[in-house]
Amino acid sequence: MPVSTQIENKTLVPIIAFAAFHIDSADQGSKYIQGHFVAGYTMPTQGTGVSTKNYGGYVAPRLAF
């Protein structure tokens, strides 16, 4: 899930990190996605396998199964 500095002004804002989000279910007919943020998840840095702190990912998101 992208993290930005603010969303109140409805303007373009930079994405500063990515937060771990687990999708529990989705319904295309009703057009909703239900899920939850994953607390304490450490994301690897740029393909090195080295973990970051709990500040979110600083690389493009990847789909995990």
Protein backbone atom coordinates (compact mmCIF):
# COMPACT_ATOMS: atom_id res chain seq x y z
CA MET A 1 0.00 0.00 0.00
CA PRO A 2 1.56 3.35 -0.96
CA VAL A 3 2.27 5.86 1.81
CA SER A 4 2.28 9.59 1.05
CA THR A 5 2.81 12.70 3.11
CA GLN A 6 -0.83 13.81 2.90
CA ILE A 7 -4.01 13.24 0.87
CA GLU A 8 -6.20 16.12 2.04
CA ASN A 9 -5.59 18.53 -0.86
CA LYS A 10 -6.44 16.02 -3.63
CA THR A 11 -3.30 16.99 -5.50
CA LEU A 12 -0.34 14.97 -6.72
CA VAL A 13 1.91 14.07 -3.80
CA PRO A 14 5.05 11.94 -3.71
CA ILE A 15 4.90 8.36 -2.47
CA ILE A 16 7.43 8.13 0.37
CA ALA A 17 7.23 4.41 1.21
CA PHE A 18 5.14 1.25 0.87
CA ALA A 19 3.35 -0.41 3.81
CA ALA A 20 2.73 -4.16 4.02
CA PHE A 21 -0.97 -4.88 3.39
CA HIS A 22 -2.56 -8.34 3.31
CA ILE A 23 -5.65 -8.74 1.09
CA ASP A 24 -8.19 -10.97 2.82
CA SER A 25 -10.91 -10.86 0.16
CA ALA A 26 -12.08 -8.91 -2.86
CA ASP A 27 -15.35 -8.62 -4.73
CA GLN A 28 -15.16 -7.25 -8.24
CA GLY A 29 -18.96 -6.92 -8.54
CA SER A 30 -19.25 -4.82 -5.37
CA LYS A 31 -15.86 -3.25 -6.14
CA TYR A 32 -14.23 -3.57 -2.75
CA ILE A 33 -11.03 -4.98 -1.30
CA GLN A 34 -10.92 -6.10 2.32
CA GLY A 35 -7.65 -6.54 4.14
CA HIS A 36 -5.41 -5.40 6.93
CA PHE A 37 -2.00 -3.82 7.45
CA VAL A 38 0.71 -6.22 8.60
CA ALA A 39 2.34 -4.85 11.76
CA GLY A 40 6.04 -5.38 12.32
CA TYR A 41 6.74 -6.63 8.80
CA THR A 42 10.23 -5.76 7.61
CA MET A 43 10.61 -5.44 3.87
CA PRO A 44 13.83 -6.24 2.02
CA THR A 45 15.72 -3.45 0.33
CA GLN A 46 16.37 -3.39 -3.39
CA GLY A 47 16.61 -7.10 -4.17
CA THR A 48 19.43 -7.67 -1.68
CA GLY A 49 17.43 -9.61 0.87
CA VAL A 50 18.67 -7.21 3.55
CA SER A 51 15.81 -6.09 5.76
CA THR A 52 14.93 -2.51 6.55
CA LYS A 53 13.54 -1.27 9.85
CA ASN A 54 9.76 -1.02 10.35
CA TYR A 55 9.57 2.16 8.28
CA GLY A 56 8.04 0.52 5.20
CA GLY A 57 9.60 -0.41 1.91
CA TYR A 58 11.58 2.06 -0.12
CA VAL A 59 11.47 0.04 -3.34
CA ALA A 60 8.64 -0.80 -5.72
CA PRO A 61 6.06 -3.19 -4.24
CA ARG A 62 6.08 -6.89 -5.10
CA LEU A 63 3.20 -9.34 -5.08
CA ALA A 64 3.78 -12.11 -2.52
CA PHE A 65 1.89 -15.39 -2.44
